[in-house]
Amino acid sequence: MAEQDSLSVGQDCEREVAHITYCRLCEAQCGLLATVKGGRITHVGPDRQHVASAGHLCVKGPAMLHVTYDPDRVLTPLKRTGAAGEFEPVSWNQALDDIAGRLSSIVKRYGPDSLGLYFGNPAAFSFGHFDFVAAFMRAFGASKIFNPLHVDSGAKSLGCALVFGPGGGFTFPDLEHTDFLLILGANPLVSHLSIVTEPRALQKLEAVARRGGVVVVDPR
């Protein structure tokens, strides 16, 4: 395995160096090793020494290598000039001024409730993302902010609120010290225990089953 240290700019730039990082595409945030040579990422693989993911990795993390260097990746704002697929590159200032003008016109004509904003994976894992989203909407006097709670995790949020009170947040089971696990209304083979923040979900469930048991109740 390549040496795990930082790569100094302008020094040993032709030597392959593995940088310790992590995947930001879901809340499991599995550990990654990104191999860099000559300032370019050449390989993305699992970090087998990561304390939580322990080498687990799905297809999404390594695929970011191909997304990053895809020849069709859009690197500058594009403005539609005619039919579908007809665009021309514009500057960031042009793009932002155009978007701001259109949004202001919509709000002026239809009111602030004509705007809605969704935020979720992976941007929501940024510490300041929600603050920026809220400030952006307040600038227009708008309040319709949507997130994953509206489509796939509202039941868990409601359950936690009913048990622990509003603002209690999510609970996370201590799978390493659990002897019997009862799962209501979820399919861990599909969800991989989403919102439990567990990279090695199936392995942890198998360990619980060996210690005592795992029961999944499907309300359908």
Protein backbone atom coordinates (compact mmCIF):
# COMPACT_ATOMS: atom_id res chain seq x y z
CA MET A 1 0.00 0.00 0.00
CA ALA A 2 1.26 3.47 -0.77
CA GLU A 3 2.70 5.57 2.00
CA GLN A 4 0.03 7.52 3.89
CA ASP A 5 1.31 11.07 4.24
CA SER A 6 0.71 14.50 2.79
CA LEU A 7 1.99 15.59 -0.58
CA SER A 8 3.98 18.83 -0.56
CA VAL A 9 3.29 21.12 -3.49
CA GLY A 10 6.19 21.08 -5.92
CA GLN A 11 8.00 18.33 -4.02
CA ASP A 12 8.05 14.67 -5.05
CA CYS A 13 5.09 15.41 -7.30
CA GLU A 14 5.77 12.30 -9.41
CA ARG A 15 5.70 9.98 -6.39
CA GLU A 16 2.46 8.18 -5.64
CA VAL A 17 1.12 9.17 -2.24
CA ALA A 18 -2.05 7.87 -0.55
CA HIS A 19 -4.03 10.57 1.23
CA ILE A 20 -6.38 9.58 4.06
CA THR A 21 -9.85 10.98 3.45
CA TYR A 22 -13.50 9.86 3.59
CA CYS A 23 -16.59 9.56 1.43
CA ARG A 24 -19.10 12.39 1.82
CA LEU A 25 -21.99 10.87 -0.14
CA CYS A 26 -23.98 9.45 2.80
CA GLU A 27 -23.98 9.65 6.57
CA ALA A 28 -21.86 6.50 6.94
CA GLN A 29 -18.85 8.53 5.70
CA CYS A 30 -16.61 5.52 5.06
CA GLY A 31 -12.85 5.93 5.17
CA LEU A 32 -11.02 6.26 1.85
CA LEU A 33 -7.46 6.30 0.57
CA ALA A 34 -6.99 8.57 -2.44
CA THR A 35 -3.77 7.90 -4.32
CA VAL A 36 -2.31 11.02 -5.95
CA LYS A 37 0.50 11.28 -8.48
CA GLY A 38 1.59 14.49 -10.16
CA GLY A 39 -1.30 16.40 -8.62
CA ARG A 40 -3.86 14.00 -10.10
CA ILE A 41 -5.92 11.36 -8.31
CA THR A 42 -5.12 7.95 -9.78
CA HIS A 43 -7.05 5.60 -7.50
CA VAL A 44 -9.70 5.71 -4.76
CA GLY A 45 -9.99 2.71 -2.45
CA PRO A 46 -11.03 1.68 1.07
CA ASP A 47 -9.15 2.61 4.22
CA ARG A 48 -8.90 -0.77 5.96
CA GLN A 49 -7.62 0.88 9.14
CA HIS A 50 -10.60 3.23 9.48
CA VAL A 51 -12.08 2.81 12.95
CA ALA A 52 -15.70 2.64 11.75
CA SER A 53 -15.85 1.40 8.15
CA ALA A 54 -12.83 -0.97 8.53
CA GLY A 55 -12.34 -1.27 4.78
CA HIS A 56 -16.01 -1.34 3.79
CA LEU A 57 -16.83 0.58 0.63
CA CYS A 58 -19.74 0.73 -1.80
CA VAL A 59 -19.45 1.63 -5.48
CA LYS A 60 -20.14 5.35 -5.03
CA GLY A 61 -16.88 6.45 -3.42
CA PRO A 62 -14.46 4.99 -6.01
CA ALA A 63 -16.75 6.21 -8.82
CA MET A 64 -15.97 9.80 -7.85
CA LEU A 65 -12.60 9.34 -9.54
CA HIS A 66 -14.32 8.93 -12.90
CA VAL A 67 -16.78 11.75 -12.20
CA THR A 68 -13.91 14.12 -11.36
CA TYR A 69 -12.07 13.51 -14.62
CA ASP A 70 -15.01 12.83 -16.92
CA PRO A 71 -14.41 14.76 -20.18
CA ASP A 72 -18.08 15.83 -20.15
CA ARG A 73 -17.93 17.26 -16.63
CA VAL A 74 -19.26 20.83 -16.54
CA LEU A 75 -16.60 23.16 -15.13
CA THR A 76 -18.13 26.54 -15.93
CA PRO A 77 -21.68 27.97 -15.86
CA LEU A 78 -23.64 27.31 -19.05
CA LYS A 79 -26.56 29.38 -20.31
CA ARG A 80 -29.17 27.90 -22.60
CA THR A 81 -29.23 29.75 -25.90
CA GLY A 82 -31.86 27.94 -27.92
CA ALA A 83 -33.21 24.42 -28.16
CA ALA A 84 -32.55 21.71 -25.61
CA GLY A 85 -28.84 20.95 -25.47
CA GLU A 86 -27.77 24.34 -26.87
CA PHE A 87 -25.66 26.18 -24.32
CA GLU A 88 -22.87 28.72 -24.20
CA PRO A 89 -20.36 29.25 -21.38
CA VAL A 90 -20.75 32.39 -19.26
CA SER A 91 -18.85 33.79 -16.29
CA TRP A 92 -19.85 33.12 -12.70
CA ASN A 93 -20.83 36.78 -12.27
CA GLN A 94 -23.08 36.62 -15.32
CA ALA A 95 -24.70 33.40 -14.11
CA LEU A 96 -25.29 34.64 -10.56
CA ASP A 97 -26.65 38.01 -11.74
CA ASP A 98 -29.02 36.22 -14.14
CA ILE A 99 -30.26 33.81 -11.44
CA ALA A 100 -30.67 36.61 -8.88
CA GLY A 101 -32.66 38.67 -11.37
CA ARG A 102 -34.96 35.78 -12.23
CA LEU A 103 -35.57 34.87 -8.58
CA SER A 104 -36.27 38.49 -7.64
CA SER A 105 -38.74 38.76 -10.51
CA ILE A 106 -40.55 35.57 -9.42
CA VAL A 107 -40.82 36.77 -5.82
CA LYS A 108 -42.01 40.21 -6.88
CA ARG A 109 -44.71 38.71 -9.08
CA TYR A 110 -45.87 35.73 -7.00
CA GLY A 111 -44.64 36.43 -3.47
CA PRO A 112 -41.94 34.74 -1.33
CA ASP A 113 -43.94 31.52 -0.96
CA SER A 114 -43.39 30.87 -4.66
CA LEU A 115 -39.84 29.77 -3.77
CA GLY A 116 -38.99 26.38 -2.29
CA LEU A 117 -35.58 24.91 -1.55
CA TYR A 118 -34.46 21.33 -0.94
CA PHE A 119 -31.26 20.33 0.78
CA GLY A 120 -29.99 16.83 1.54
CA ASN A 121 -27.20 14.37 0.71
CA PRO A 122 -24.38 15.03 0.35
CA ALA A 123 -24.32 18.81 0.83
CA ALA A 124 -26.22 18.61 4.13
CA PHE A 125 -23.20 16.94 5.77
CA SER A 126 -21.38 20.27 5.57
CA PHE A 127 -21.46 21.99 8.96
CA GLY A 128 -22.57 25.35 7.60
CA HIS A 129 -24.84 24.19 4.78
CA PHE A 130 -28.16 24.60 6.59
CA ASP A 131 -27.18 28.05 7.90
CA PHE A 132 -26.42 29.23 4.37
CA VAL A 133 -29.66 27.71 3.06
CA ALA A 134 -31.71 29.40 5.78
CA ALA A 135 -30.00 32.77 5.24
CA PHE A 136 -30.56 32.51 1.48
CA MET A 137 -34.28 31.90 1.94
CA ARG A 138 -34.64 34.65 4.56
CA ALA A 139 -33.16 37.14 2.10
CA PHE A 140 -36.23 36.56 -0.10
CA GLY A 141 -38.65 36.33 2.83
CA ALA A 142 -39.27 32.70 1.90
CA SER A 143 -39.70 29.80 4.32
CA LYS A 144 -40.38 26.63 2.31
CA ILE A 145 -37.31 24.48 3.03
CA PHE A 146 -37.57 20.76 2.27
CA ASN A 147 -35.20 17.96 3.31
CA PRO A 148 -35.09 14.14 3.51
CA LEU A 149 -37.61 14.20 6.38
CA HIS A 150 -40.25 14.93 3.77
CA VAL A 151 -39.59 11.76 1.79
CA ASP A 152 -37.84 8.99 3.72
CA SER A 153 -37.05 9.59 7.39
CA GLY A 154 -40.07 11.39 8.82
CA ALA A 155 -41.33 8.30 10.65
CA LYS A 156 -38.14 7.95 12.66
CA SER A 157 -38.10 11.67 13.44
CA LEU A 158 -41.71 11.50 14.67
CA GLY A 159 -41.03 8.39 16.73
CA CYS A 160 -38.06 10.02 18.46
CA ALA A 161 -40.08 13.18 19.12
CA LEU A 162 -42.95 11.19 20.67
CA VAL A 163 -40.59 9.23 22.92
CA PHE A 164 -38.00 11.86 23.83
CA GLY A 165 -39.81 15.12 23.13
CA PRO A 166 -39.45 17.73 20.37
CA GLY A 167 -35.86 18.54 19.53
CA GLY A 168 -34.62 15.27 20.99
CA GLY A 169 -32.91 14.35 17.75
CA PHE A 170 -32.25 10.88 16.40
CA THR A 171 -31.25 7.88 18.51
CA PHE A 172 -28.51 5.46 17.45
CA PRO A 173 -28.56 1.83 18.66
CA ASP A 174 -25.43 0.50 20.31
CA LEU A 175 -25.12 -2.44 17.93
CA GLU A 176 -21.81 -3.64 19.35
CA HIS A 177 -23.43 -4.30 22.74
CA THR A 178 -26.90 -5.39 21.57
CA ASP A 179 -28.07 -8.99 22.08
CA PHE A 180 -31.53 -8.64 20.55
CA LEU A 181 -32.66 -6.14 17.93
CA LEU A 182 -36.27 -5.44 16.92
CA ILE A 183 -36.65 -3.44 13.68
CA LEU A 184 -40.09 -2.01 12.92
CA GLY A 185 -41.06 -0.83 9.44
CA ALA A 186 -37.61 -0.94 7.85
CA ASN A 187 -35.69 -3.29 5.60
CA PRO A 188 -32.00 -3.25 6.53
CA LEU A 189 -31.06 -5.28 3.44
CA VAL A 190 -32.23 -2.32 1.36
CA SER A 191 -31.61 0.68 3.62
CA HIS A 192 -28.29 -0.57 5.07
CA LEU A 193 -29.52 0.99 8.32
CA SER A 194 -29.64 4.50 6.90
CA ILE A 195 -29.69 7.15 9.68
CA VAL A 196 -28.03 4.65 12.02
CA THR A 197 -24.71 5.84 10.53
CA GLU A 198 -23.21 2.36 10.35
CA PRO A 199 -20.91 1.54 7.42
CA ARG A 200 -20.81 -2.21 8.13
CA ALA A 201 -24.54 -2.60 8.75
CA LEU A 202 -25.04 -6.19 7.62
CA GLN A 203 -21.97 -7.47 9.47
CA LYS A 204 -23.17 -5.79 12.65
CA LEU A 205 -26.65 -7.34 12.26
CA GLU A 206 -25.13 -10.78 11.73
CA ALA A 207 -23.14 -10.35 14.96
CA VAL A 208 -26.31 -9.38 16.87
CA ALA A 209 -28.11 -12.40 15.42
CA ARG A 210 -25.34 -14.71 16.65
CA ARG A 211 -25.51 -13.22 20.15
CA GLY A 212 -29.30 -13.37 20.41
CA GLY A 213 -31.49 -12.46 17.48
CA VAL A 214 -32.69 -9.91 14.94
CA VAL A 215 -36.41 -9.58 14.17
CA VAL A 216 -37.68 -7.40 11.34
CA VAL A 217 -41.39 -6.50 11.39
CA ASP A 218 -42.76 -5.41 8.01
CA PRO A 219 -46.09 -3.56 8.62
CA ARG A 220 -47.17 -4.29 5.05
